[in-house]
Amino acid sequence: MNQIINEYTTLSQWGNSKATRIPTSVNIDVNQKFSISIQGESIVLTPEVKQPNTIHKLFSNWKDDGIRHKELDWGEIKGNEGKY
């Protein structure tokens, strides 16, 4: 996200915590998790990167490019790979 936003917000007290509202011009998902750190005099929110936890999720957006129309030969068997 490389955008320059020239807006202001105010820090408020919510129970025992401090909170602020993020302007809608900042494009983030509702319920997005962040890590928070202090760098110099700046408060830095870093979005949590969601890692896929199954191979189906890992390749859910993969589109076949149609280049491979047969199995690929990676050479002779080495180690404990075995034939399938």
PDB file of N, CA and C in Angstrom:
ATOM      1  N   MET A   1       0.836  -1.160   0.000  1.00  0.00           N
ATOM      2  CA  MET A   1       0.000   0.000   0.000  1.00  0.00           C
ATOM      3  C   MET A   1       0.891   1.237   0.000  1.00  0.00           C
ATOM      4  N   ASN A   2       1.127   1.823  -1.124  1.00  0.00           N
ATOM      5  CA  ASN A   2       1.911   3.044  -1.204  1.00  0.00           C
ATOM      6  C   ASN A   2       0.998   4.192  -1.573  1.00  0.00           C
ATOM      7  N   GLN A   3       0.311   4.727  -0.581  1.00  0.00           N
ATOM      8  CA  GLN A   3      -0.553   5.865  -0.835  1.00  0.00           C
ATOM      9  C   GLN A   3      -0.291   6.929   0.217  1.00  0.00           C
ATOM     10  N   ILE A   4      -0.400   8.152  -0.194  1.00  0.00           N
ATOM     11  CA  ILE A   4      -0.220   9.260   0.736  1.00  0.00           C
ATOM     12  C   ILE A   4      -1.609   9.767   1.095  1.00  0.00           C
ATOM     13  N   ILE A   5      -1.891   9.796   2.371  1.00  0.00           N
ATOM     14  CA  ILE A   5      -3.193  10.243   2.848  1.00  0.00           C
ATOM     15  C   ILE A   5      -2.969  11.424   3.768  1.00  0.00           C
ATOM     16  N   ASN A   6      -3.629  12.504   3.474  1.00  0.00           N
ATOM     17  CA  ASN A   6      -3.471  13.719   4.264  1.00  0.00           C
ATOM     18  C   ASN A   6      -4.766  13.969   5.040  1.00  0.00           C
ATOM     19  N   GLU A   7      -5.032  13.132   6.023  1.00  0.00           N
ATOM     20  CA  GLU A   7      -6.218  13.265   6.861  1.00  0.00           C
ATOM     21  C   GLU A   7      -5.785  13.146   8.313  1.00  0.00           C
ATOM     22  N   TYR A   8      -6.669  13.520   9.206  1.00  0.00           N
ATOM     23  CA  TYR A   8      -6.367  13.464  10.628  1.00  0.00           C
ATOM     24  C   TYR A   8      -7.421  12.648  11.352  1.00  0.00           C
ATOM     25  N   THR A   9      -7.038  12.110  12.485  1.00  0.00           N
ATOM     26  CA  THR A   9      -7.949  11.388  13.355  1.00  0.00           C
ATOM     27  C   THR A   9      -7.580  11.727  14.791  1.00  0.00           C
ATOM     28  N   THR A  10      -8.460  11.414  15.711  1.00  0.00           N
ATOM     29  CA  THR A  10      -8.238  11.748  17.117  1.00  0.00           C
ATOM     30  C   THR A  10      -8.188  10.474  17.947  1.00  0.00           C
ATOM     31  N   LEU A  11      -7.275  10.423  18.885  1.00  0.00           N
ATOM     32  CA  LEU A  11      -7.177   9.294  19.802  1.00  0.00           C
ATOM     33  C   LEU A  11      -8.220   9.470  20.900  1.00  0.00           C
ATOM     34  N   SER A  12      -8.987   8.418  21.173  1.00  0.00           N
ATOM     35  CA  SER A  12     -10.057   8.458  22.181  1.00  0.00           C
ATOM     36  C   SER A  12      -9.840   7.357  23.199  1.00  0.00           C
ATOM     37  N   GLN A  13     -10.497   7.487  24.335  1.00  0.00           N
ATOM     38  CA  GLN A  13     -10.455   6.457  25.373  1.00  0.00           C
ATOM     39  C   GLN A  13     -11.681   5.568  25.212  1.00  0.00           C
ATOM     40  N   TRP A  14     -11.493   4.253  25.068  1.00  0.00           N
ATOM     41  CA  TRP A  14     -12.577   3.272  24.997  1.00  0.00           C
ATOM     42  C   TRP A  14     -12.316   2.253  26.090  1.00  0.00           C
ATOM     43  N   GLY A  15     -12.997   2.370  27.207  1.00  0.00           N
ATOM     44  CA  GLY A  15     -12.733   1.479  28.335  1.00  0.00           C
ATOM     45  C   GLY A  15     -11.322   1.704  28.831  1.00  0.00           C
ATOM     46  N   ASN A  16     -10.557   0.638  28.925  1.00  0.00           N
ATOM     47  CA  ASN A  16      -9.160   0.739  29.355  1.00  0.00           C
ATOM     48  C   ASN A  16      -8.199   0.916  28.189  1.00  0.00           C
ATOM     49  N   SER A  17      -8.731   1.003  26.974  1.00  0.00           N
ATOM     50  CA  SER A  17      -7.889   1.084  25.780  1.00  0.00           C
ATOM     51  C   SER A  17      -8.000   2.451  25.129  1.00  0.00           C
ATOM     52  N   LYS A  18      -7.053   2.727  24.267  1.00  0.00           N
ATOM     53  CA  LYS A  18      -7.092   3.919  23.431  1.00  0.00           C
ATOM     54  C   LYS A  18      -7.464   3.479  22.022  1.00  0.00           C
ATOM     55  N   ALA A  19      -8.227   4.292  21.315  1.00  0.00           N
ATOM     56  CA  ALA A  19      -8.683   3.911  19.980  1.00  0.00           C
ATOM     57  C   ALA A  19      -8.761   5.133  19.085  1.00  0.00           C
ATOM     58  N   THR A  20      -8.727   4.882  17.786  1.00  0.00           N
ATOM     59  CA  THR A  20      -8.918   5.922  16.790  1.00  0.00           C
ATOM     60  C   THR A  20      -9.690   5.326  15.633  1.00  0.00           C
ATOM     61  N   ARG A  21     -10.287   6.153  14.830  1.00  0.00           N
ATOM     62  CA  ARG A  21     -11.008   5.692  13.639  1.00  0.00           C
ATOM     63  C   ARG A  21     -10.097   5.878  12.428  1.00  0.00           C
ATOM     64  N   ILE A  22     -10.099   4.882  11.573  1.00  0.00           N
ATOM     65  CA  ILE A  22      -9.285   4.940  10.357  1.00  0.00           C
ATOM     66  C   ILE A  22     -10.196   5.423   9.226  1.00  0.00           C
ATOM     67  N   PRO A  23      -9.801   6.476   8.516  1.00  0.00           N
ATOM     68  CA  PRO A  23     -10.648   7.015   7.444  1.00  0.00           C
ATOM     69  C   PRO A  23     -10.932   5.981   6.357  1.00  0.00           C
ATOM     70  N   THR A  24     -12.081   6.111   5.695  1.00  0.00           N
ATOM     71  CA  THR A  24     -12.454   5.168   4.641  1.00  0.00           C
ATOM     72  C   THR A  24     -11.513   5.240   3.447  1.00  0.00           C
ATOM     73  N   SER A  25     -10.767   6.338   3.324  1.00  0.00           N
ATOM     74  CA  SER A  25      -9.811   6.439   2.215  1.00  0.00           C
ATOM     75  C   SER A  25      -8.660   5.445   2.364  1.00  0.00           C
ATOM     76  N   VAL A  26      -8.488   4.890   3.563  1.00  0.00           N
ATOM     77  CA  VAL A  26      -7.497   3.834   3.781  1.00  0.00           C
ATOM     78  C   VAL A  26      -8.201   2.515   3.505  1.00  0.00           C
ATOM     79  N   ASN A  27      -7.800   1.841   2.462  1.00  0.00           N
ATOM     80  CA  ASN A  27      -8.495   0.634   2.010  1.00  0.00           C
ATOM     81  C   ASN A  27      -8.000  -0.592   2.767  1.00  0.00           C
ATOM     82  N   ILE A  28      -8.693  -0.941   3.857  1.00  0.00           N
ATOM     83  CA  ILE A  28      -8.381  -2.152   4.614  1.00  0.00           C
ATOM     84  C   ILE A  28      -9.678  -2.876   4.915  1.00  0.00           C
ATOM     85  N   ASP A  29      -9.576  -4.171   5.152  1.00  0.00           N
ATOM     86  CA  ASP A  29     -10.750  -4.985   5.451  1.00  0.00           C
ATOM     87  C   ASP A  29     -11.180  -4.799   6.900  1.00  0.00           C
ATOM     88  N   VAL A  30     -12.484  -4.880   7.115  1.00  0.00           N
ATOM     89  CA  VAL A  30     -13.013  -4.875   8.477  1.00  0.00           C
ATOM     90  C   VAL A  30     -12.529  -6.145   9.166  1.00  0.00           C
ATOM     91  N   ASN A  31     -12.189  -6.075  10.424  1.00  0.00           N
ATOM     92  CA  ASN A  31     -11.671  -7.179  11.234  1.00  0.00           C
ATOM     93  C   ASN A  31     -10.260  -7.616  10.833  1.00  0.00           C
ATOM     94  N   GLN A  32      -9.562  -6.806  10.037  1.00  0.00           N
ATOM     95  CA  GLN A  32      -8.167  -7.093   9.690  1.00  0.00           C
ATOM     96  C   GLN A  32      -7.330  -7.042  10.964  1.00  0.00           C
ATOM     97  N   LYS A  33      -6.464  -8.012  11.160  1.00  0.00           N
ATOM     98  CA  LYS A  33      -5.575  -8.020  12.317  1.00  0.00           C
ATOM     99  C   LYS A  33      -4.264  -7.326  11.959  1.00  0.00           C
ATOM    100  N   PHE A  34      -3.697  -6.605  12.937  1.00  0.00           N
ATOM    101  CA  PHE A  34      -2.454  -5.876  12.749  1.00  0.00           C
ATOM    102  C   PHE A  34      -1.521  -6.140  13.913  1.00  0.00           C
ATOM    103  N   SER A  35      -0.232  -6.063  13.652  1.00  0.00           N
ATOM    104  CA  SER A  35       0.725  -5.959  14.748  1.00  0.00           C
ATOM    105  C   SER A  35       0.994  -4.460  14.899  1.00  0.00           C
ATOM    106  N   ILE A  36       1.258  -4.035  16.109  1.00  0.00           N
ATOM    107  CA  ILE A  36       1.482  -2.620  16.360  1.00  0.00           C
ATOM    108  C   ILE A  36       2.888  -2.435  16.919  1.00  0.00           C
ATOM    109  N   SER A  37       3.590  -1.425  16.419  1.00  0.00           N
ATOM    110  CA  SER A  37       4.937  -1.143  16.914  1.00  0.00           C
ATOM    111  C   SER A  37       5.144   0.364  16.946  1.00  0.00           C
ATOM    112  N   ILE A  38       6.119   0.783  17.703  1.00  0.00           N
ATOM    113  CA  ILE A  38       6.500   2.190  17.780  1.00  0.00           C
ATOM    114  C   ILE A  38       7.855   2.321  17.108  1.00  0.00           C
ATOM    115  N   GLN A  39       7.943   3.180  16.102  1.00  0.00           N
ATOM    116  CA  GLN A  39       9.200   3.433  15.407  1.00  0.00           C
ATOM    117  C   GLN A  39       9.464   4.931  15.481  1.00  0.00           C
ATOM    118  N   GLY A  40      10.412   5.284  16.329  1.00  0.00           N
ATOM    119  CA  GLY A  40      10.667   6.703  16.578  1.00  0.00           C
ATOM    120  C   GLY A  40       9.461   7.295  17.279  1.00  0.00           C
ATOM    121  N   GLU A  41       8.852   8.306  16.676  1.00  0.00           N
ATOM    122  CA  GLU A  41       7.649   8.909  17.243  1.00  0.00           C
ATOM    123  C   GLU A  41       6.402   8.493  16.463  1.00  0.00           C
ATOM    124  N   SER A  42       6.501   7.415  15.681  1.00  0.00           N
ATOM    125  CA  SER A  42       5.375   6.959  14.864  1.00  0.00           C
ATOM    126  C   SER A  42       4.811   5.652  15.389  1.00  0.00           C
ATOM    127  N   ILE A  43       3.495   5.532  15.308  1.00  0.00           N
ATOM    128  CA  ILE A  43       2.809   4.277  15.601  1.00  0.00           C
ATOM    129  C   ILE A  43       2.623   3.573  14.266  1.00  0.00           C
ATOM    130  N   VAL A  44       3.112   2.347  14.151  1.00  0.00           N
ATOM    131  CA  VAL A  44       3.078   1.621  12.890  1.00  0.00           C
ATOM    132  C   VAL A  44       2.178   0.397  13.033  1.00  0.00           C
ATOM    133  N   LEU A  45       1.164   0.305  12.171  1.00  0.00           N
ATOM    134  CA  LEU A  45       0.287  -0.859  12.109  1.00  0.00           C
ATOM    135  C   LEU A  45       0.687  -1.674  10.897  1.00  0.00           C
ATOM    136  N   THR A  46       1.020  -2.946  11.098  1.00  0.00           N
ATOM    137  CA  THR A  46       1.415  -3.827  10.013  1.00  0.00           C
ATOM    138  C   THR A  46       0.375  -4.933   9.881  1.00  0.00           C
ATOM    139  N   PRO A  47      -0.270  -5.064   8.716  1.00  0.00           N
ATOM    140  CA  PRO A  47      -1.295  -6.085   8.558  1.00  0.00           C
ATOM    141  C   PRO A  47      -0.725  -7.485   8.733  1.00  0.00           C
ATOM    142  N   GLU A  48      -1.498  -8.337   9.385  1.00  0.00           N
ATOM    143  CA  GLU A  48      -1.115  -9.742   9.522  1.00  0.00           C
ATOM    144  C   GLU A  48      -1.298 -10.403   8.163  1.00  0.00           C
ATOM    145  N   VAL A  49      -0.287 -11.109   7.717  1.00  0.00           N
ATOM    146  CA  VAL A  49      -0.368 -11.807   6.438  1.00  0.00           C
ATOM    147  C   VAL A  49      -0.963 -13.184   6.691  1.00  0.00           C
ATOM    148  N   LYS A  50      -2.083 -13.450   6.048  1.00  0.00           N
ATOM    149  CA  LYS A  50      -2.755 -14.728   6.233  1.00  0.00           C
ATOM    150  C   LYS A  50      -2.107 -15.774   5.328  1.00  0.00           C
ATOM    151  N   GLN A  51      -1.569 -16.809   5.943  1.00  0.00           N
ATOM    152  CA  GLN A  51      -0.926 -17.883   5.200  1.00  0.00           C
ATOM    153  C   GLN A  51      -1.949 -18.985   4.930  1.00  0.00           C
ATOM    154  N   PRO A  52      -1.966 -19.541   3.728  1.00  0.00           N
ATOM    155  CA  PRO A  52      -2.884 -20.650   3.460  1.00  0.00           C
ATOM    156  C   PRO A  52      -2.516 -21.857   4.322  1.00  0.00           C
ATOM    157  N   ASN A  53      -3.540 -22.548   4.837  1.00  0.00           N
ATOM    158  CA  ASN A  53      -3.264 -23.698   5.697  1.00  0.00           C
ATOM    159  C   ASN A  53      -3.569 -25.030   5.032  1.00  0.00           C
ATOM    160  N   THR A  54      -3.989 -25.008   3.764  1.00  0.00           N
ATOM    161  CA  THR A  54      -4.158 -26.249   2.995  1.00  0.00           C
ATOM    162  C   THR A  54      -3.615 -26.015   1.590  1.00  0.00           C
ATOM    163  N   ILE A  55      -3.307 -27.083   0.905  1.00  0.00           N
ATOM    164  CA  ILE A  55      -2.807 -26.950  -0.465  1.00  0.00           C
ATOM    165  C   ILE A  55      -3.894 -26.421  -1.385  1.00  0.00           C
ATOM    166  N   HIS A  56      -5.160 -26.686  -1.047  1.00  0.00           N
ATOM    167  CA  HIS A  56      -6.269 -26.189  -1.860  1.00  0.00           C
ATOM    168  C   HIS A  56      -6.368 -24.665  -1.764  1.00  0.00           C
ATOM    169  N   LYS A  57      -6.167 -24.117  -0.560  1.00  0.00           N
ATOM    170  CA  LYS A  57      -6.181 -22.668  -0.393  1.00  0.00           C
ATOM    171  C   LYS A  57      -4.951 -22.041  -1.042  1.00  0.00           C
ATOM    172  N   LEU A  58      -3.812 -22.723  -0.959  1.00  0.00           N
ATOM    173  CA  LEU A  58      -2.581 -22.222  -1.547  1.00  0.00           C
ATOM    174  C   LEU A  58      -2.735 -22.010  -3.052  1.00  0.00           C
ATOM    175  N   PHE A  59      -3.396 -22.941  -3.725  1.00  0.00           N
ATOM    176  CA  PHE A  59      -3.531 -22.876  -5.175  1.00  0.00           C
ATOM    177  C   PHE A  59      -4.935 -22.480  -5.629  1.00  0.00           C
ATOM    178  N   SER A  60      -5.725 -21.874  -4.748  1.00  0.00           N
ATOM    179  CA  SER A  60      -7.117 -21.552  -5.077  1.00  0.00           C
ATOM    180  C   SER A  60      -7.239 -20.570  -6.246  1.00  0.00           C
ATOM    181  N   ASN A  61      -6.291 -19.689  -6.441  1.00  0.00           N
ATOM    182  CA  ASN A  61      -6.363 -18.708  -7.533  1.00  0.00           C
ATOM    183  C   ASN A  61      -5.509 -19.088  -8.738  1.00  0.00           C
ATOM    184  N   TRP A  62      -4.951 -20.278  -8.738  1.00  0.00           N
ATOM    185  CA  TRP A  62      -4.078 -20.689  -9.830  1.00  0.00           C
ATOM    186  C   TRP A  62      -4.886 -20.976 -11.078  1.00  0.00           C
ATOM    187  N   LYS A  63      -4.435 -20.447 -12.197  1.00  0.00           N
ATOM    188  CA  LYS A  63      -5.085 -20.697 -13.478  1.00  0.00           C
ATOM    189  C   LYS A  63      -4.089 -21.425 -14.374  1.00  0.00           C
ATOM    190  N   ASP A  64      -4.553 -22.497 -14.997  1.00  0.00           N
ATOM    191  CA  ASP A  64      -3.707 -23.299 -15.875  1.00  0.00           C
ATOM    192  C   ASP A  64      -3.304 -22.460 -17.080  1.00  0.00           C
ATOM    193  N   ASP A  65      -2.001 -22.388 -17.348  1.00  0.00           N
ATOM    194  CA  ASP A  65      -1.525 -21.618 -18.498  1.00  0.00           C
ATOM    195  C   ASP A  65      -1.526 -22.444 -19.785  1.00  0.00           C
ATOM    196  N   GLY A  66      -1.826 -23.736 -19.666  1.00  0.00           N
ATOM    197  CA  GLY A  66      -1.956 -24.581 -20.847  1.00  0.00           C
ATOM    198  C   GLY A  66      -0.644 -24.976 -21.488  1.00  0.00           C
ATOM    199  N   ILE A  67       0.488 -24.624 -20.896  1.00  0.00           N
ATOM    200  CA  ILE A  67       1.785 -24.929 -21.500  1.00  0.00           C
ATOM    201  C   ILE A  67       2.139 -26.396 -21.304  1.00  0.00           C
ATOM    202  N   ARG A  68       1.886 -26.941 -20.135  1.00  0.00           N
ATOM    203  CA  ARG A  68       2.248 -28.327 -19.848  1.00  0.00           C
ATOM    204  C   ARG A  68       1.091 -29.244 -20.228  1.00  0.00           C
ATOM    205  N   HIS A  69       1.280 -30.022 -21.258  1.00  0.00           N
ATOM    206  CA  HIS A  69       0.225 -30.924 -21.694  1.00  0.00           C
ATOM    207  C   HIS A  69       0.580 -32.379 -21.416  1.00  0.00           C
ATOM    208  N   LYS A  70       1.689 -32.613 -20.720  1.00  0.00           N
ATOM    209  CA  LYS A  70       2.084 -33.968 -20.336  1.00  0.00           C
ATOM    210  C   LYS A  70       2.926 -33.868 -19.070  1.00  0.00           C
ATOM    211  N   GLU A  71       3.217 -35.010 -18.467  1.00  0.00           N
ATOM    212  CA  GLU A  71       4.053 -35.016 -17.270  1.00  0.00           C
ATOM    213  C   GLU A  71       5.459 -34.542 -17.607  1.00  0.00           C
ATOM    214  N   LEU A  72       6.103 -33.933 -16.651  1.00  0.00           N
ATOM    215  CA  LEU A  72       7.481 -33.482 -16.825  1.00  0.00           C
ATOM    216  C   LEU A  72       8.421 -34.537 -16.265  1.00  0.00           C
ATOM    217  N   ASP A  73       9.502 -34.797 -16.959  1.00  0.00           N
ATOM    218  CA  ASP A  73      10.510 -35.749 -16.500  1.00  0.00           C
ATOM    219  C   ASP A  73      11.613 -34.968 -15.803  1.00  0.00           C
ATOM    220  N   TRP A  74      11.762 -35.210 -14.503  1.00  0.00           N
ATOM    221  CA  TRP A  74      12.756 -34.506 -13.720  1.00  0.00           C
ATOM    222  C   TRP A  74      14.032 -35.339 -13.544  1.00  0.00           C
ATOM    223  N   GLY A  75      14.185 -36.398 -14.317  1.00  0.00           N
ATOM    224  CA  GLY A  75      15.399 -37.199 -14.250  1.00  0.00           C
ATOM    225  C   GLY A  75      15.208 -38.449 -13.412  1.00  0.00           C
ATOM    226  N   GLU A  76      16.327 -39.138 -13.189  1.00  0.00           N
ATOM    227  CA  GLU A  76      16.267 -40.407 -12.460  1.00  0.00           C
ATOM    228  C   GLU A  76      15.951 -40.212 -10.994  1.00  0.00           C
ATOM    229  N   ILE A  77      15.434 -41.279 -10.368  1.00  0.00           N
ATOM    230  CA  ILE A  77      15.080 -41.273  -8.962  1.00  0.00           C
ATOM    231  C   ILE A  77      16.351 -41.208  -8.126  1.00  0.00           C
ATOM    232  N   LYS A  78      16.322 -40.346  -7.081  1.00  0.00           N
ATOM    233  CA  LYS A  78      17.445 -40.232  -6.151  1.00  0.00           C
ATOM    234  C   LYS A  78      16.883 -40.271  -4.745  1.00  0.00           C
ATOM    235  N   GLY A  79      17.636 -40.846  -3.842  1.00  0.00           N
ATOM    236  CA  GLY A  79      17.199 -40.872  -2.453  1.00  0.00           C
ATOM    237  C   GLY A  79      16.032 -41.810  -2.228  1.00  0.00           C
ATOM    238  N   ASN A  80      15.082 -41.423  -1.372  1.00  0.00           N
ATOM    239  CA  ASN A  80      13.961 -42.259  -1.010  1.00  0.00           C
ATOM    240  C   ASN A  80      12.670 -41.872  -1.720  1.00  0.00           C
ATOM    241  N   GLU A  81      12.771 -41.277  -2.902  1.00  0.00           N
ATOM    242  CA  GLU A  81      11.591 -40.822  -3.600  1.00  0.00           C
ATOM    243  C   GLU A  81      10.685 -41.985  -4.024  1.00  0.00           C
ATOM    244  N   GLY A  82      11.266 -43.000  -4.602  1.00  0.00           N
ATOM    245  CA  GLY A  82      10.499 -44.158  -5.056  1.00  0.00           C
ATOM    246  C   GLY A  82       9.690 -43.856  -6.298  1.00  0.00           C
ATOM    247  N   LYS A  83       9.268 -44.918  -6.981  1.00  0.00           N
ATOM    248  CA  LYS A  83       8.437 -44.759  -8.176  1.00  0.00           C
ATOM    249  C   LYS A  83       6.975 -44.781  -7.797  1.00  0.00           C
ATOM    250  N   TYR A  84       6.196 -43.995  -8.491  1.00  0.00           N
ATOM    251  CA  TYR A  84       4.755 -43.938  -8.228  1.00  0.00           C
ATOM    252  C   TYR A  84       4.003 -44.472  -9.405  1.00  0.00           C
TER     253      TYR A  84
END
